[in-house]
């Protein structure tokens, strides 16, 4: 069981930047995947970015490629999402997720543990 706590959300103007953090604790082992998802009101949960724990291989959703960067600090058991050039359509609750095996995937039901989410609001 892995516990995840997101932080760093807030209100930012269009074109601005924000960095989200996800602190993990518990039974993470050495090979797993960390992902970021987002969900806006009335919409399905959307894959944003993923990273493997061992190799650091990354994957991004089409809507955020070139603007967002996922990274990890293994010593701190923390994953980050650097969000640049933010747009109003990026407004959502952002969730951190953990999957037990270290391969990239995009479906929410392929992940095992979830944080509580952090709100990101981008004003126009």
C-alpha atoms as a PDB file:
ATOM      1  CA  UNK A   1       0.000   0.000   0.000  1.00  0.00           C
ATOM      2  CA  UNK A   2       1.306   3.414  -1.025  1.00  0.00           C
ATOM      3  CA  UNK A   3       0.129   6.742   0.311  1.00  0.00           C
ATOM      4  CA  UNK A   4       0.327   9.768  -1.978  1.00  0.00           C
ATOM      5  CA  UNK A   5      -0.021  13.437  -1.088  1.00  0.00           C
ATOM      6  CA  UNK A   6      -0.183  16.122  -3.775  1.00  0.00           C
ATOM      7  CA  UNK A   7       0.709  19.753  -3.248  1.00  0.00           C
ATOM      8  CA  UNK A   8       1.458  22.881  -5.238  1.00  0.00           C
ATOM      9  CA  UNK A   9      -1.897  23.605  -6.803  1.00  0.00           C
ATOM     10  CA  UNK A  10      -3.370  27.065  -6.916  1.00  0.00           C
ATOM     11  CA  UNK A  11      -4.581  29.896  -9.099  1.00  0.00           C
ATOM     12  CA  UNK A  12      -2.399  31.145 -11.941  1.00  0.00           C
ATOM     13  CA  UNK A  13      -2.913  33.405 -14.943  1.00  0.00           C
ATOM     14  CA  UNK A  14      -2.881  32.055 -18.481  1.00  0.00           C
ATOM     15  CA  UNK A  15       0.687  31.736 -19.728  1.00  0.00           C
ATOM     16  CA  UNK A  16       2.021  31.239 -16.233  1.00  0.00           C
ATOM     17  CA  UNK A  17       3.691  28.271 -14.582  1.00  0.00           C
ATOM     18  CA  UNK A  18       3.066  25.996 -11.640  1.00  0.00           C
ATOM     19  CA  UNK A  19       4.889  23.011 -10.161  1.00  0.00           C
ATOM     20  CA  UNK A  20       3.012  20.167  -8.515  1.00  0.00           C
ATOM     21  CA  UNK A  21       4.605  17.739  -6.083  1.00  0.00           C
ATOM     22  CA  UNK A  22       3.581  14.233  -5.076  1.00  0.00           C
ATOM     23  CA  UNK A  23       5.138  12.744  -1.962  1.00  0.00           C
ATOM     24  CA  UNK A  24       4.939   8.957  -1.700  1.00  0.00           C
ATOM     25  CA  UNK A  25       5.239   6.802   1.383  1.00  0.00           C
ATOM     26  CA  UNK A  26       4.778   3.136   2.138  1.00  0.00           C
ATOM     27  CA  UNK A  27       5.599   0.049   0.095  1.00  0.00           C
ATOM     28  CA  UNK A  28       6.945   1.360  -3.219  1.00  0.00           C
ATOM     29  CA  UNK A  29       9.756  -1.153  -3.924  1.00  0.00           C
ATOM     30  CA  UNK A  30      12.147  -0.419  -6.822  1.00  0.00           C
ATOM     31  CA  UNK A  31      10.124  -0.886 -10.005  1.00  0.00           C
ATOM     32  CA  UNK A  32       6.881   1.026 -10.437  1.00  0.00           C
ATOM     33  CA  UNK A  33       5.262   3.817 -12.403  1.00  0.00           C
ATOM     34  CA  UNK A  34       4.100   7.228 -11.247  1.00  0.00           C
ATOM     35  CA  UNK A  35       1.488   9.163 -13.151  1.00  0.00           C
ATOM     36  CA  UNK A  36      -0.356  12.446 -13.172  1.00  0.00           C
ATOM     37  CA  UNK A  37      -4.002  12.628 -14.160  1.00  0.00           C
ATOM     38  CA  UNK A  38      -6.481  15.475 -14.179  1.00  0.00           C
ATOM     39  CA  UNK A  39     -10.231  15.744 -14.024  1.00  0.00           C
ATOM     40  CA  UNK A  40     -12.369  18.761 -14.814  1.00  0.00           C
ATOM     41  CA  UNK A  41     -16.020  19.025 -13.731  1.00  0.00           C
ATOM     42  CA  UNK A  42     -18.246  16.847 -15.896  1.00  0.00           C
ATOM     43  CA  UNK A  43     -15.311  15.227 -17.696  1.00  0.00           C
ATOM     44  CA  UNK A  44     -13.519  11.898 -17.433  1.00  0.00           C
ATOM     45  CA  UNK A  45     -10.188  11.552 -15.734  1.00  0.00           C
ATOM     46  CA  UNK A  46      -7.462  12.337 -18.281  1.00  0.00           C
ATOM     47  CA  UNK A  47      -3.887  11.064 -18.446  1.00  0.00           C
ATOM     48  CA  UNK A  48      -1.349  13.882 -18.198  1.00  0.00           C
ATOM     49  CA  UNK A  49       2.083  12.318 -17.709  1.00  0.00           C
ATOM     50  CA  UNK A  50       3.845   9.198 -16.472  1.00  0.00           C
ATOM     51  CA  UNK A  51       7.353   8.177 -15.462  1.00  0.00           C
ATOM     52  CA  UNK A  52       8.962   4.836 -14.641  1.00  0.00           C
ATOM     53  CA  UNK A  53      10.809   4.616 -11.351  1.00  0.00           C
ATOM     54  CA  UNK A  54      13.932   2.783 -12.532  1.00  0.00           C
ATOM     55  CA  UNK A  55      14.668   4.079 -16.033  1.00  0.00           C
ATOM     56  CA  UNK A  56      12.994   7.468 -15.800  1.00  0.00           C
ATOM     57  CA  UNK A  57      11.165   6.917 -19.091  1.00  0.00           C
ATOM     58  CA  UNK A  58       8.412   9.484 -19.569  1.00  0.00           C
ATOM     59  CA  UNK A  59       5.130   9.714 -21.426  1.00  0.00           C
ATOM     60  CA  UNK A  60       2.765  12.647 -21.962  1.00  0.00           C
ATOM     61  CA  UNK A  61      -0.762  13.246 -23.051  1.00  0.00           C
ATOM     62  CA  UNK A  62      -1.090  15.033 -26.373  1.00  0.00           C
ATOM     63  CA  UNK A  63      -2.657  18.130 -24.848  1.00  0.00           C
ATOM     64  CA  UNK A  64       0.347  18.834 -22.603  1.00  0.00           C
ATOM     65  CA  UNK A  65       3.335  17.760 -24.719  1.00  0.00           C
ATOM     66  CA  UNK A  66       5.897  20.528 -24.947  1.00  0.00           C
ATOM     67  CA  UNK A  67       4.395  22.385 -21.988  1.00  0.00           C
ATOM     68  CA  UNK A  68       4.522  19.977 -19.029  1.00  0.00           C
ATOM     69  CA  UNK A  69       7.467  18.008 -17.655  1.00  0.00           C
ATOM     70  CA  UNK A  70       7.308  15.095 -15.233  1.00  0.00           C
ATOM     71  CA  UNK A  71      10.336  14.288 -13.096  1.00  0.00           C
ATOM     72  CA  UNK A  72      11.251  12.359  -9.990  1.00  0.00           C
ATOM     73  CA  UNK A  73      13.548  12.624  -6.992  1.00  0.00           C
ATOM     74  CA  UNK A  74      14.054   9.065  -5.803  1.00  0.00           C
ATOM     75  CA  UNK A  75      15.887  10.101  -2.631  1.00  0.00           C
ATOM     76  CA  UNK A  76      12.861  12.137  -1.565  1.00  0.00           C
ATOM     77  CA  UNK A  77      10.244   9.672  -2.854  1.00  0.00           C
ATOM     78  CA  UNK A  78       8.726  12.574  -4.723  1.00  0.00           C
ATOM     79  CA  UNK A  79       7.402  13.107  -8.246  1.00  0.00           C
ATOM     80  CA  UNK A  80       6.932  16.526  -9.801  1.00  0.00           C
ATOM     81  CA  UNK A  81       4.896  18.008 -12.600  1.00  0.00           C
ATOM     82  CA  UNK A  82       6.257  21.259 -13.989  1.00  0.00           C
ATOM     83  CA  UNK A  83       3.490  23.028 -15.881  1.00  0.00           C
ATOM     84  CA  UNK A  84       4.386  25.893 -18.212  1.00  0.00           C
ATOM     85  CA  UNK A  85       2.378  27.987 -20.665  1.00  0.00           C
ATOM     86  CA  UNK A  86      -0.780  27.187 -18.762  1.00  0.00           C
ATOM     87  CA  UNK A  87      -4.137  27.599 -20.459  1.00  0.00           C
ATOM     88  CA  UNK A  88      -7.648  27.952 -19.012  1.00  0.00           C
ATOM     89  CA  UNK A  89      -8.447  24.473 -20.340  1.00  0.00           C
ATOM     90  CA  UNK A  90      -5.765  23.085 -18.012  1.00  0.00           C
ATOM     91  CA  UNK A  91      -8.057  23.930 -15.090  1.00  0.00           C
ATOM     92  CA  UNK A  92      -8.805  20.710 -13.213  1.00  0.00           C
ATOM     93  CA  UNK A  93      -8.121  18.701 -10.114  1.00  0.00           C
ATOM     94  CA  UNK A  94      -4.746  17.043 -10.612  1.00  0.00           C
ATOM     95  CA  UNK A  95      -4.181  13.590  -9.140  1.00  0.00           C
ATOM     96  CA  UNK A  96      -0.986  11.680  -8.504  1.00  0.00           C
ATOM     97  CA  UNK A  97      -1.098   7.911  -9.041  1.00  0.00           C
ATOM     98  CA  UNK A  98       1.131   4.900  -8.403  1.00  0.00           C
ATOM     99  CA  UNK A  99       1.216   1.575 -10.260  1.00  0.00           C
ATOM    100  CA  UNK A 100       2.910  -1.522  -8.862  1.00  0.00           C
ATOM    101  CA  UNK A 101       4.818  -2.504 -12.016  1.00  0.00           C
ATOM    102  CA  UNK A 102       7.411  -0.354 -13.775  1.00  0.00           C
ATOM    103  CA  UNK A 103       5.950   0.119 -17.253  1.00  0.00           C
ATOM    104  CA  UNK A 104       4.147   3.098 -18.748  1.00  0.00           C
ATOM    105  CA  UNK A 105       0.369   3.095 -19.062  1.00  0.00           C
ATOM    106  CA  UNK A 106      -2.356   5.686 -19.503  1.00  0.00           C
ATOM    107  CA  UNK A 107      -5.607   4.237 -18.196  1.00  0.00           C
ATOM    108  CA  UNK A 108      -6.705   5.204 -14.662  1.00  0.00           C
ATOM    109  CA  UNK A 109      -7.747   1.623 -13.896  1.00  0.00           C
ATOM    110  CA  UNK A 110      -4.171   0.489 -14.566  1.00  0.00           C
ATOM    111  CA  UNK A 111      -2.967   2.314 -11.454  1.00  0.00           C
ATOM    112  CA  UNK A 112      -3.209   1.010  -7.915  1.00  0.00           C
ATOM    113  CA  UNK A 113      -2.955   4.008  -5.577  1.00  0.00           C
ATOM    114  CA  UNK A 114      -4.188   7.579  -5.758  1.00  0.00           C
ATOM    115  CA  UNK A 115      -3.693  10.847  -3.965  1.00  0.00           C
ATOM    116  CA  UNK A 116      -6.504  13.147  -2.907  1.00  0.00           C
ATOM    117  CA  UNK A 117      -5.868  15.673  -5.657  1.00  0.00           C
ATOM    118  CA  UNK A 118      -4.866  19.304  -5.837  1.00  0.00           C
ATOM    119  CA  UNK A 119      -6.835  22.035  -7.596  1.00  0.00           C
ATOM    120  CA  UNK A 120      -5.237  23.955 -10.462  1.00  0.00           C
ATOM    121  CA  UNK A 121      -7.136  26.962 -11.770  1.00  0.00           C
ATOM    122  CA  UNK A 122      -5.917  28.957 -14.770  1.00  0.00           C
ATOM    123  CA  UNK A 123      -7.562  32.322 -15.339  1.00  0.00           C
ATOM    124  CA  UNK A 124      -7.845  33.958 -18.756  1.00  0.00           C
END
